[in-house]
N, C-alpha and C. Protein backbone atom coordinates (compact mmCIF):
# COMPACT_ATOMS: atom_id res chain seq x y z
N UNK A 1 84.97 82.16 92.55
CA UNK A 1 86.02 82.97 92.76
C UNK A 1 86.85 82.39 94.05
N UNK A 2 88.07 82.29 93.82
CA UNK A 2 88.94 81.90 94.80
C UNK A 2 90.01 83.05 95.31
N UNK A 3 89.90 83.07 96.69
CA UNK A 3 90.70 84.24 97.22
C UNK A 3 91.86 83.57 97.92
N UNK A 4 93.18 84.13 97.79
CA UNK A 4 94.26 83.70 98.52
C UNK A 4 94.71 85.00 99.24
N UNK A 5 94.76 84.94 100.45
CA UNK A 5 95.30 85.99 101.48
C UNK A 5 96.57 86.24 101.12
N UNK A 6 97.02 87.45 101.37
CA UNK A 6 98.51 87.71 101.35
C UNK A 6 99.32 86.87 102.26
N UNK A 7 100.56 86.76 101.78
CA UNK A 7 101.50 86.04 102.74
C UNK A 7 102.88 87.03 102.97
N UNK A 8 103.79 86.32 103.60
CA UNK A 8 105.01 87.00 103.88
C UNK A 8 106.31 86.14 103.78
N UNK A 9 107.42 86.63 103.47
CA UNK A 9 108.47 85.93 103.30
C UNK A 9 109.16 85.48 104.34
N UNK A 10 108.89 84.22 104.89
CA UNK A 10 109.14 83.68 106.24
C UNK A 10 110.69 83.38 106.23
N UNK A 11 111.51 83.33 105.06
CA UNK A 11 112.88 83.22 105.24
C UNK A 11 113.57 84.47 105.51
N UNK A 12 113.04 85.66 105.05
CA UNK A 12 113.58 86.90 105.25
C UNK A 12 113.05 87.40 106.69
N UNK A 13 112.01 87.22 106.92
CA UNK A 13 111.34 87.38 108.26
C UNK A 13 111.47 86.23 109.12
N UNK A 14 112.42 86.12 109.97
CA UNK A 14 112.58 84.92 110.79
C UNK A 14 113.43 85.25 112.03
N UNK A 15 113.00 84.48 113.07
CA UNK A 15 113.77 84.59 114.52
C UNK A 15 115.30 84.57 114.33
N UNK A 16 115.95 85.67 115.18
CA UNK A 16 117.34 85.65 115.28
C UNK A 16 117.57 85.06 116.83
N UNK A 17 117.84 83.71 116.87
CA UNK A 17 118.07 83.30 118.09
C UNK A 17 119.15 83.65 118.86
N UNK A 18 120.02 84.15 118.37
CA UNK A 18 121.21 84.69 119.06
C UNK A 18 121.27 86.03 119.18
N UNK A 19 119.91 86.69 119.32
CA UNK A 19 119.99 88.05 119.48
C UNK A 19 120.13 88.41 121.08
N UNK A 20 120.73 89.54 121.29
CA UNK A 20 120.85 89.86 122.72
C UNK A 20 119.62 90.43 123.29
N UNK A 21 119.32 90.12 124.60
CA UNK A 21 118.06 90.71 125.35
C UNK A 21 118.23 92.14 125.43
N UNK A 22 117.44 92.94 125.09
CA UNK A 22 117.50 94.44 125.23
C UNK A 22 117.49 94.90 126.78
N UNK A 23 118.20 96.01 126.95
CA UNK A 23 118.57 96.60 128.13
C UNK A 23 117.26 96.94 128.73
N UNK A 24 116.29 97.51 128.25
CA UNK A 24 114.87 97.79 128.70
C UNK A 24 113.87 97.28 127.60
N UNK A 25 112.75 97.00 127.81
CA UNK A 25 111.73 96.48 126.83
C UNK A 25 111.55 97.55 125.75
N UNK A 26 111.40 97.04 124.53
CA UNK A 26 111.27 97.59 123.33
C UNK A 26 110.05 97.48 122.68
N UNK A 27 109.10 98.34 122.67
CA UNK A 27 107.83 98.16 122.01
C UNK A 27 107.85 98.68 120.58
N UNK A 28 107.38 98.09 119.51
CA UNK A 28 107.66 98.36 118.04
C UNK A 28 106.22 98.70 117.25
N UNK A 29 106.38 99.61 116.45
CA UNK A 29 105.29 99.66 115.42
C UNK A 29 105.85 100.19 114.12
N UNK A 30 105.36 99.81 113.05
CA UNK A 30 106.06 100.36 111.78
C UNK A 30 104.93 100.44 110.80
N UNK A 31 105.15 101.35 109.61
CA UNK A 31 104.10 101.51 108.58
C UNK A 31 104.52 102.85 107.83
N UNK A 32 103.45 103.28 107.07
CA UNK A 32 103.53 104.53 106.55
C UNK A 32 102.68 105.30 107.41
N UNK A 33 103.34 106.35 107.75
CA UNK A 33 102.76 107.37 108.73
C UNK A 33 101.84 108.37 108.30
N UNK A 34 101.76 108.45 107.02
CA UNK A 34 100.50 109.21 106.67
C UNK A 34 99.34 108.54 106.25
N UNK A 35 99.30 107.29 106.43
CA UNK A 35 98.18 106.49 106.38
C UNK A 35 97.23 106.54 107.45
N UNK A 36 96.07 107.02 107.33
CA UNK A 36 95.20 107.62 108.64
C UNK A 36 95.28 106.57 109.67
N UNK A 37 94.99 105.28 109.47
CA UNK A 37 95.03 104.38 110.64
C UNK A 37 96.13 104.22 111.26
N UNK A 38 97.27 104.30 110.48
CA UNK A 38 98.67 104.27 111.18
C UNK A 38 99.01 105.46 112.11
N UNK A 39 98.58 106.73 111.39
CA UNK A 39 98.73 107.82 112.11
C UNK A 39 97.99 107.99 113.34
N UNK A 40 96.56 107.58 113.34
CA UNK A 40 95.93 107.52 114.51
C UNK A 40 96.52 106.47 115.48
N UNK A 41 97.16 105.53 115.35
CA UNK A 41 97.78 104.40 116.15
C UNK A 41 98.93 105.17 116.75
N UNK A 42 99.87 105.89 116.00
CA UNK A 42 100.94 106.42 116.71
C UNK A 42 100.61 107.45 117.72
N UNK A 43 99.45 108.24 117.07
CA UNK A 43 99.16 109.28 118.09
C UNK A 43 98.59 108.54 119.68
N UNK A 44 98.01 107.62 119.31
CA UNK A 44 97.50 106.82 120.46
C UNK A 44 98.72 106.19 121.38
N UNK A 45 99.74 105.74 120.63
CA UNK A 45 100.88 105.17 121.22
C UNK A 45 101.40 106.54 122.21
N UNK A 46 101.60 107.63 121.54
CA UNK A 46 102.42 108.59 122.10
C UNK A 46 101.54 109.39 123.07
N UNK A 47 100.24 109.57 123.02
CA UNK A 47 99.42 110.27 123.90
C UNK A 47 98.98 109.43 125.12
N UNK A 48 98.69 108.16 124.94
CA UNK A 48 98.03 107.43 125.83
C UNK A 48 98.85 106.23 126.38
N UNK A 49 99.33 105.19 125.52
CA UNK A 49 99.82 104.23 126.06
C UNK A 49 101.33 104.74 126.67
N UNK A 50 102.12 105.62 125.95
CA UNK A 50 103.41 105.91 126.52
C UNK A 50 103.16 106.24 128.04
N UNK A 51 102.40 107.36 128.23
CA UNK A 51 102.34 108.03 129.48
C UNK A 51 101.75 106.94 130.68
N UNK A 52 100.84 106.11 130.13
CA UNK A 52 100.60 104.69 131.09
C UNK A 52 101.75 104.10 131.47
N UNK A 53 102.60 103.83 130.60
CA UNK A 53 103.66 102.97 130.95
C UNK A 53 104.67 103.85 131.73
N UNK A 54 104.90 105.02 131.44
CA UNK A 54 105.79 105.97 132.16
C UNK A 54 105.41 105.81 133.65
N UNK A 55 104.11 105.82 134.06
CA UNK A 55 103.77 105.84 135.34
C UNK A 55 104.05 104.58 136.03
N UNK A 56 104.20 103.36 135.14
CA UNK A 56 104.56 102.24 135.75
C UNK A 56 106.15 101.89 135.89
N UNK A 57 106.58 102.23 134.73
CA UNK A 57 108.13 101.87 134.53
C UNK A 57 108.98 103.04 134.56
N UNK A 58 108.46 104.28 134.45
CA UNK A 58 109.33 105.52 134.60
C UNK A 58 109.79 105.78 133.13
N UNK A 59 110.44 107.04 132.80
CA UNK A 59 110.61 107.48 131.57
C UNK A 59 111.68 106.67 130.85
N UNK A 60 112.66 106.01 131.64
CA UNK A 60 113.77 105.18 131.22
C UNK A 60 113.60 103.83 131.28
N UNK A 61 112.27 103.26 131.50
CA UNK A 61 112.09 101.80 131.72
C UNK A 61 111.53 101.07 130.68
N UNK A 62 111.45 101.82 129.53
CA UNK A 62 110.88 101.06 128.44
C UNK A 62 111.13 102.08 127.03
N UNK A 63 110.94 101.64 125.88
CA UNK A 63 111.23 102.31 124.51
C UNK A 63 110.22 101.99 123.63
N UNK A 64 109.75 102.99 123.18
CA UNK A 64 108.62 102.85 122.07
C UNK A 64 109.58 103.38 120.73
N UNK A 65 109.47 102.16 119.90
CA UNK A 65 110.38 102.35 118.75
C UNK A 65 109.46 102.30 117.51
N UNK A 66 109.75 103.44 116.72
CA UNK A 66 108.78 103.64 115.43
C UNK A 66 109.43 103.47 114.25
N UNK A 67 109.18 102.81 113.23
CA UNK A 67 109.92 102.74 111.92
C UNK A 67 108.77 102.98 110.82
N UNK A 68 109.33 103.59 109.89
CA UNK A 68 108.38 103.91 108.51
C UNK A 68 108.86 105.04 107.82
N UNK A 69 107.95 105.55 106.67
CA UNK A 69 108.31 106.78 106.13
C UNK A 69 106.94 107.56 106.21
N UNK A 70 107.04 108.55 105.43
CA UNK A 70 105.97 109.66 105.31
C UNK A 70 105.71 110.35 106.74
N UNK A 71 106.65 110.34 107.75
CA UNK A 71 106.13 111.05 108.76
C UNK A 71 106.12 112.42 108.57
N UNK A 72 105.08 113.21 109.36
CA UNK A 72 105.01 114.59 109.24
C UNK A 72 105.73 115.27 110.23
N UNK A 73 106.02 116.69 109.84
CA UNK A 73 106.67 117.43 110.89
C UNK A 73 105.78 117.48 112.29
N UNK A 74 104.72 117.44 112.23
CA UNK A 74 103.88 117.56 113.40
C UNK A 74 104.17 116.19 114.20
N UNK A 75 104.21 115.02 113.66
CA UNK A 75 104.55 113.77 114.25
C UNK A 75 105.98 113.89 114.87
N UNK A 76 106.94 114.40 114.27
CA UNK A 76 108.29 114.45 114.50
C UNK A 76 108.26 115.26 115.74
N UNK A 77 107.64 116.42 115.77
CA UNK A 77 107.78 117.16 117.00
C UNK A 77 107.26 116.52 117.96
N UNK A 78 106.09 115.92 118.08
CA UNK A 78 105.69 115.22 119.13
C UNK A 78 106.52 114.09 119.71
N UNK A 79 107.04 113.34 118.81
CA UNK A 79 107.75 112.26 119.12
C UNK A 79 109.01 112.81 119.91
N UNK A 80 109.62 114.05 119.52
CA UNK A 80 110.75 114.69 120.11
C UNK A 80 110.45 115.01 121.53
N UNK A 81 109.16 115.22 121.82
CA UNK A 81 108.89 115.62 123.37
C UNK A 81 108.70 114.27 124.35
N UNK A 82 108.75 113.28 123.72
CA UNK A 82 108.64 112.05 124.44
C UNK A 82 110.17 111.12 124.50
N UNK A 83 110.71 111.22 125.59
CA UNK A 83 112.03 110.69 125.66
C UNK A 83 112.12 109.20 125.61
N UNK A 84 111.04 108.63 125.81
CA UNK A 84 111.09 107.18 125.56
C UNK A 84 110.57 106.73 124.21
N UNK A 85 110.37 107.86 123.33
CA UNK A 85 109.98 107.44 121.92
C UNK A 85 110.89 107.67 120.94
N UNK A 86 111.30 106.77 120.00
CA UNK A 86 112.46 106.87 118.92
C UNK A 86 111.84 106.55 117.59
N UNK A 87 112.09 107.54 116.57
CA UNK A 87 111.59 107.42 115.41
C UNK A 87 112.90 107.10 114.47
N UNK A 88 112.95 106.00 114.00
CA UNK A 88 114.15 105.59 113.17
C UNK A 88 114.06 105.65 111.76
N UNK A 89 112.93 106.31 111.00
CA UNK A 89 112.68 106.38 109.80
C UNK A 89 112.53 104.94 108.95
N UNK A 90 112.66 105.13 107.69
CA UNK A 90 112.78 103.85 107.12
C UNK A 90 114.13 102.89 107.23
N UNK A 91 113.88 101.63 107.33
CA UNK A 91 115.12 100.85 107.72
C UNK A 91 115.34 99.82 106.71
N UNK A 92 116.25 99.46 106.15
CA UNK A 92 116.40 98.35 105.32
C UNK A 92 116.36 97.04 106.09
N UNK A 93 116.93 96.84 107.17
CA UNK A 93 116.63 95.49 108.00
C UNK A 93 115.47 95.46 108.92
N UNK A 94 114.42 95.52 108.29
CA UNK A 94 113.12 95.48 109.21
C UNK A 94 113.19 94.30 110.03
N UNK A 95 113.59 93.05 109.52
CA UNK A 95 113.53 92.08 110.16
C UNK A 95 114.45 92.02 111.49
N UNK A 96 115.40 92.62 111.34
CA UNK A 96 116.42 92.86 112.61
C UNK A 96 115.68 93.81 113.59
N UNK A 97 114.92 94.76 113.25
CA UNK A 97 114.29 95.61 113.93
C UNK A 97 113.05 94.82 114.80
N UNK A 98 112.47 94.00 114.06
CA UNK A 98 111.43 93.26 114.78
C UNK A 98 111.88 92.27 115.58
N UNK A 99 113.16 91.76 115.29
CA UNK A 99 113.94 90.89 116.26
C UNK A 99 114.33 91.50 117.44
N UNK A 100 114.61 92.64 117.55
CA UNK A 100 115.28 93.58 118.59
C UNK A 100 113.98 93.96 119.54
N UNK A 101 112.60 93.64 118.97
CA UNK A 101 111.58 94.16 119.87
C UNK A 101 111.14 93.11 120.76
N UNK A 102 110.73 93.65 122.10
CA UNK A 102 110.17 92.86 123.15
C UNK A 102 108.82 92.50 122.48
N UNK A 103 107.99 93.32 122.12
CA UNK A 103 106.66 93.01 121.62
C UNK A 103 106.29 93.94 120.68
N UNK A 104 105.39 93.51 119.86
CA UNK A 104 104.88 94.56 118.71
C UNK A 104 103.30 94.91 119.19
N UNK A 105 103.32 96.24 119.02
CA UNK A 105 101.94 96.97 119.48
C UNK A 105 101.26 97.60 118.21
N UNK A 106 100.09 97.00 118.03
CA UNK A 106 99.28 97.45 116.94
C UNK A 106 97.95 98.01 117.39
N UNK A 107 97.81 99.26 117.97
CA UNK A 107 96.51 99.54 118.39
C UNK A 107 95.59 100.15 117.32
N UNK A 108 95.34 99.56 116.19
CA UNK A 108 94.54 99.99 115.01
C UNK A 108 93.23 100.00 115.44
N UNK A 109 92.50 101.04 115.11
CA UNK A 109 91.04 101.44 115.55
C UNK A 109 90.38 101.57 114.30
N UNK A 110 90.82 101.62 113.20
CA UNK A 110 89.98 101.70 111.84
C UNK A 110 90.55 100.85 110.79
N UNK A 111 89.94 100.72 109.64
CA UNK A 111 90.39 100.19 108.53
C UNK A 111 90.36 98.78 108.50
N UNK A 112 90.71 98.13 107.37
CA UNK A 112 90.57 96.67 107.22
C UNK A 112 91.80 95.96 106.66
N UNK A 113 91.74 94.79 106.15
CA UNK A 113 93.04 94.24 105.45
C UNK A 113 93.74 93.21 106.47
N UNK A 114 94.71 92.45 106.08
CA UNK A 114 95.35 91.54 106.74
C UNK A 114 96.46 91.87 107.58
N UNK A 115 96.78 93.34 107.49
CA UNK A 115 97.94 93.69 108.23
C UNK A 115 99.16 92.96 108.27
N UNK A 116 100.05 93.11 107.00
CA UNK A 116 101.19 92.43 106.91
C UNK A 116 102.15 92.91 107.99
N UNK A 117 102.14 94.03 108.50
CA UNK A 117 102.97 94.30 109.76
C UNK A 117 102.96 93.17 110.96
N UNK A 118 101.82 92.85 111.04
CA UNK A 118 101.61 91.83 112.00
C UNK A 118 102.11 90.46 111.75
N UNK A 119 101.83 90.12 110.35
CA UNK A 119 102.53 88.88 109.71
C UNK A 119 104.02 88.81 109.97
N UNK A 120 104.49 89.97 109.77
CA UNK A 120 106.23 90.07 109.64
C UNK A 120 106.53 90.06 111.25
N UNK A 121 105.97 90.71 112.15
CA UNK A 121 106.28 90.61 113.47
C UNK A 121 106.20 89.04 114.02
N UNK A 122 105.18 88.53 113.55
CA UNK A 122 104.86 87.08 114.18
C UNK A 122 105.97 86.09 113.33
N UNK A 123 106.25 86.30 112.19
CA UNK A 123 107.22 85.63 111.43
C UNK A 123 108.62 85.66 112.17
N UNK A 124 108.88 86.91 112.72
CA UNK A 124 110.01 86.88 113.40
C UNK A 124 110.10 86.24 114.99
N UNK A 125 109.10 85.71 115.40
CA UNK A 125 108.80 85.18 116.73
C UNK A 125 108.61 86.32 117.79
N UNK A 126 108.04 87.69 117.32
CA UNK A 126 107.71 88.57 118.29
C UNK A 126 106.24 88.67 118.46
N UNK A 127 106.08 88.56 120.01
CA UNK A 127 104.48 88.29 120.29
C UNK A 127 103.91 89.80 120.00
N UNK A 128 102.75 89.70 119.78
CA UNK A 128 101.80 90.89 119.33
C UNK A 128 100.84 91.18 120.21
N UNK A 129 100.49 92.36 120.34
CA UNK A 129 99.07 92.80 120.89
C UNK A 129 98.31 93.85 119.80
N UNK A 130 97.23 93.42 119.52
CA UNK A 130 96.49 94.35 118.51
C UNK A 130 95.08 94.32 118.80
N UNK A 131 94.55 95.11 118.06
CA UNK A 131 93.00 95.50 118.20
C UNK A 131 92.18 94.57 117.22
N UNK A 132 90.94 94.51 117.66
CA UNK A 132 89.94 93.51 117.06
C UNK A 132 89.55 94.29 115.81
N UNK A 133 90.23 94.34 114.80
CA UNK A 133 89.89 95.39 113.76
C UNK A 133 90.48 94.61 112.49
N UNK A 134 89.57 94.67 111.59
CA UNK A 134 90.08 94.19 109.92
C UNK A 134 90.50 92.84 110.22
N UNK A 135 91.61 92.46 109.58
CA UNK A 135 91.98 91.06 109.62
C UNK A 135 92.94 90.68 110.68
N UNK A 136 93.07 91.70 111.66
CA UNK A 136 94.01 91.15 112.79
C UNK A 136 93.49 90.01 113.51
N UNK A 137 92.35 89.72 113.76
CA UNK A 137 91.81 88.58 114.51
C UNK A 137 91.91 87.39 113.63
N UNK A 138 92.37 87.43 112.35
CA UNK A 138 92.55 86.23 111.65
C UNK A 138 94.03 85.75 111.84
N UNK A 139 94.85 86.59 112.47
CA UNK A 139 96.16 86.53 112.67
C UNK A 139 96.65 86.17 113.98
N UNK A 140 96.12 87.12 114.99
CA UNK A 140 96.30 86.75 116.33
C UNK A 140 95.18 85.93 117.01
N UNK A 141 95.57 85.13 117.70
CA UNK A 141 94.75 83.98 118.33
C UNK A 141 95.02 84.43 119.87
N UNK A 142 93.98 85.02 120.21
CA UNK A 142 94.13 85.70 121.85
C UNK A 142 94.59 84.58 122.73
N UNK A 143 95.66 85.05 123.54
CA UNK A 143 96.20 84.21 124.34
C UNK A 143 96.88 82.99 123.95
N UNK A 144 97.18 82.79 122.72
CA UNK A 144 97.98 81.68 122.16
C UNK A 144 99.21 82.39 121.50
N UNK A 145 99.22 83.25 120.45
CA UNK A 145 100.23 83.75 119.85
C UNK A 145 100.36 85.30 119.98
N UNK A 146 99.46 85.78 121.08
CA UNK A 146 99.56 87.34 121.31
C UNK A 146 98.11 87.61 122.06
N UNK A 147 97.93 88.72 122.11
CA UNK A 147 96.66 89.25 122.65
C UNK A 147 95.75 90.24 121.70
N UNK A 148 94.53 89.99 121.75
CA UNK A 148 93.57 90.78 121.03
C UNK A 148 92.84 91.81 122.24
N UNK A 149 92.60 93.07 121.89
CA UNK A 149 91.99 94.01 122.60
C UNK A 149 90.85 94.76 121.90
N UNK A 150 90.03 95.05 122.66
CA UNK A 150 88.75 95.80 122.11
C UNK A 150 89.10 97.27 121.89
N UNK A 151 89.13 97.75 120.60
CA UNK A 151 89.54 99.21 120.23
C UNK A 151 88.62 100.28 121.09
N UNK A 152 87.55 99.86 121.39
CA UNK A 152 86.53 100.86 122.33
C UNK A 152 87.08 100.91 123.85
N UNK A 153 88.17 99.81 124.08
CA UNK A 153 88.63 99.78 125.55
C UNK A 153 90.16 99.84 125.43
N UNK A 154 90.69 100.89 125.07
CA UNK A 154 92.38 100.88 124.94
C UNK A 154 93.13 100.75 126.10
N UNK A 155 92.53 100.68 127.34
CA UNK A 155 93.18 100.44 128.57
C UNK A 155 93.43 99.15 128.45
N UNK A 156 92.84 98.20 127.80
CA UNK A 156 93.27 96.80 127.82
C UNK A 156 94.68 96.40 127.09
N UNK A 157 94.85 97.30 126.23
CA UNK A 157 96.25 97.17 125.46
C UNK A 157 97.27 97.41 126.48
N UNK A 158 97.29 98.55 127.45
CA UNK A 158 98.33 98.69 128.15
C UNK A 158 98.38 97.53 129.33
N UNK A 159 97.20 96.95 129.72
CA UNK A 159 97.07 95.66 130.47
C UNK A 159 97.92 94.45 130.07
N UNK A 160 97.61 94.11 128.69
CA UNK A 160 98.25 93.21 128.12
C UNK A 160 99.55 93.29 127.91
N UNK A 161 100.16 94.51 127.63
CA UNK A 161 101.49 94.68 127.53
C UNK A 161 102.32 94.52 128.89
N UNK A 162 101.60 94.83 129.89
CA UNK A 162 102.33 94.67 131.06
C UNK A 162 102.27 93.22 131.46
N UNK A 163 101.52 92.53 131.05
CA UNK A 163 101.47 91.03 131.30
C UNK A 163 102.80 90.47 130.64
N UNK A 164 102.95 90.87 129.23
CA UNK A 164 103.86 90.35 128.37
C UNK A 164 105.33 90.75 128.82
N UNK A 165 105.25 92.17 129.38
CA UNK A 165 106.76 92.67 129.79
C UNK A 165 107.21 92.00 130.99
N UNK A 166 106.22 91.45 131.86
CA UNK A 166 106.57 90.85 133.16
C UNK A 166 106.78 89.17 132.90
N UNK A 167 106.57 88.68 131.81
CA UNK A 167 106.74 87.31 131.66
C UNK A 167 107.43 86.77 130.40
N UNK A 168 108.64 86.50 130.63
CA UNK A 168 109.63 86.27 129.59
C UNK A 168 109.17 84.91 128.87
N UNK A 169 108.74 83.88 129.74
CA UNK A 169 108.45 82.63 129.28
C UNK A 169 107.20 82.68 128.30
N UNK A 170 106.23 83.77 128.67
CA UNK A 170 105.08 83.65 128.02
C UNK A 170 105.22 84.32 126.69
N UNK A 171 106.30 85.52 126.69
CA UNK A 171 106.65 86.02 125.35
C UNK A 171 107.21 85.02 124.43
N UNK A 172 108.14 84.28 124.83
CA UNK A 172 108.77 83.18 124.11
C UNK A 172 107.75 82.14 123.64
N UNK A 173 106.93 81.81 124.49
CA UNK A 173 105.78 80.86 123.95
C UNK A 173 104.87 81.50 123.06
N UNK A 174 104.56 82.70 123.16
CA UNK A 174 103.52 83.16 121.97
C UNK A 174 104.32 83.52 120.96
N UNK A 175 105.72 84.07 120.92
CA UNK A 175 106.56 84.24 119.73
C UNK A 175 106.64 82.94 118.93
N UNK A 176 106.87 81.78 119.69
CA UNK A 176 107.14 80.46 118.93
C UNK A 176 105.81 80.14 118.15
N UNK A 177 104.55 80.25 118.98
CA UNK A 177 103.36 80.01 118.37
C UNK A 177 103.04 80.83 117.23
N UNK A 178 103.39 82.34 117.08
CA UNK A 178 103.16 83.13 116.14
C UNK A 178 104.29 82.77 114.93
N UNK A 179 105.33 82.35 115.17
CA UNK A 179 106.11 82.04 114.12
C UNK A 179 105.60 80.64 113.28
N UNK A 180 105.18 79.60 114.16
CA UNK A 180 104.48 78.43 113.62
C UNK A 180 103.33 78.76 112.81
N UNK A 181 102.48 79.54 113.33
CA UNK A 181 101.12 79.94 112.62
C UNK A 181 101.33 80.43 111.31
N UNK A 182 102.52 81.49 111.19
CA UNK A 182 102.68 82.31 109.90
C UNK A 182 103.38 81.18 109.06
N UNK A 183 104.19 80.34 109.49
CA UNK A 183 104.91 79.26 108.59
C UNK A 183 103.91 78.37 107.91
N UNK A 184 102.86 77.98 108.84
CA UNK A 184 101.87 76.98 108.19
C UNK A 184 100.73 77.85 107.42
N UNK A 185 100.43 78.93 107.71
CA UNK A 185 99.18 79.47 107.05
C UNK A 185 99.67 80.79 106.01
N UNK A 186 100.76 81.25 106.42
CA UNK A 186 100.99 82.55 105.43
C UNK A 186 102.29 82.85 105.00
N UNK A 187 103.02 81.77 105.03
CA UNK A 187 104.27 81.88 104.47
C UNK A 187 104.14 81.95 102.64
N UNK A 188 105.08 82.18 102.03
CA UNK A 188 104.99 82.13 100.68
C UNK A 188 104.94 80.67 100.21
N UNK A 189 105.57 79.85 100.85
CA UNK A 189 105.47 78.18 100.43
C UNK A 189 103.83 77.85 100.70
N UNK A 190 103.22 78.33 101.66
CA UNK A 190 102.02 77.83 102.01
C UNK A 190 100.90 78.61 100.90
N UNK A 191 101.23 79.86 100.72
CA UNK A 191 100.33 80.41 99.55
C UNK A 191 100.59 79.96 98.25
N UNK A 192 101.83 79.52 97.96
CA UNK A 192 102.16 78.80 96.67
C UNK A 192 101.23 77.42 96.47
N UNK A 193 101.38 77.01 97.81
CA UNK A 193 100.71 75.66 97.84
C UNK A 193 99.03 75.82 97.58
N UNK A 194 98.47 76.88 98.24
CA UNK A 194 97.09 77.26 97.84
C UNK A 194 96.89 77.51 96.42
N UNK A 195 98.01 78.27 95.82
CA UNK A 195 97.68 78.67 94.21
C UNK A 195 97.94 77.39 93.36
N UNK A 196 98.71 76.44 93.94
CA UNK A 196 98.85 75.19 92.92
C UNK A 196 97.74 74.35 92.98
N UNK A 197 97.08 74.46 94.17
CA UNK A 197 95.93 73.79 94.53
C UNK A 197 94.61 74.18 93.58
N UNK A 198 94.63 75.54 93.46
CA UNK A 198 93.54 76.22 92.54
C UNK A 198 93.85 75.73 91.08
N UNK A 199 95.29 75.80 90.60
CA UNK A 199 95.46 75.54 89.32
C UNK A 199 95.14 74.17 89.11
N UNK A 200 95.28 73.07 90.15
CA UNK A 200 95.08 71.65 89.97
C UNK A 200 93.66 71.47 89.58
N UNK A 201 92.67 72.08 90.42
CA UNK A 201 91.25 72.05 90.19
C UNK A 201 90.92 72.56 88.83
N UNK A 202 91.56 73.81 88.40
CA UNK A 202 90.95 74.11 87.10
C UNK A 202 91.63 73.10 85.92
N UNK A 203 92.69 72.41 86.01
CA UNK A 203 93.20 71.58 85.20
C UNK A 203 92.13 70.29 85.05
N UNK A 204 91.67 69.88 86.26
CA UNK A 204 90.66 68.89 86.21
C UNK A 204 89.32 69.19 85.54
N UNK A 205 88.97 70.36 85.65
CA UNK A 205 87.57 70.65 85.16
C UNK A 205 87.90 70.90 83.57
N UNK A 206 89.17 71.37 83.30
CA UNK A 206 89.55 71.39 81.79
C UNK A 206 89.38 70.10 81.10
N UNK A 207 90.00 69.06 81.84
CA UNK A 207 89.92 67.76 81.26
C UNK A 207 88.65 67.10 80.97
N UNK A 208 87.73 67.54 81.97
CA UNK A 208 86.25 67.09 81.91
C UNK A 208 85.70 67.59 80.51
């Protein structure tokens, strides 16, 4: 059995080098909000991370931007009470939203899979902070193209975000490394190459 991990359209999801620097740092997360792992992550962002950042930067010092569908009335009500949090719903230009972000935050505490959301962010050159859960460690190389944190120690995530927000050069370096990593390993061209390799091996066996 040969397994080819999913990939991402690295032409659609690509850095926009002429983008303007946001007035204040933008932390970004997206997904289907009725999926348990995403809903749990959003609650943590709203209840734990946001207040921790408010204590450091103030309510006007950053923005938590959330995109996706299937948001519940309870989630909308909670977001509305956080002046630094904004729910933008489903967006057609997800690559544009990812490019507008200062960093991508994925405090996933459960579930598995490769997390396409992180591939998309990395393909756009956006540095990522994520939990050591599921396939996230296969994408984020700690200290190289982002930061990995222990989901049992969520305070680490705020610490890593503070490091990124305070170091533009580090953000640019990690963003570039993330883009390169996705292009080489998880772009559609890379995945097509893997598939062609499998077909080639099958044809060799058939000729025998």
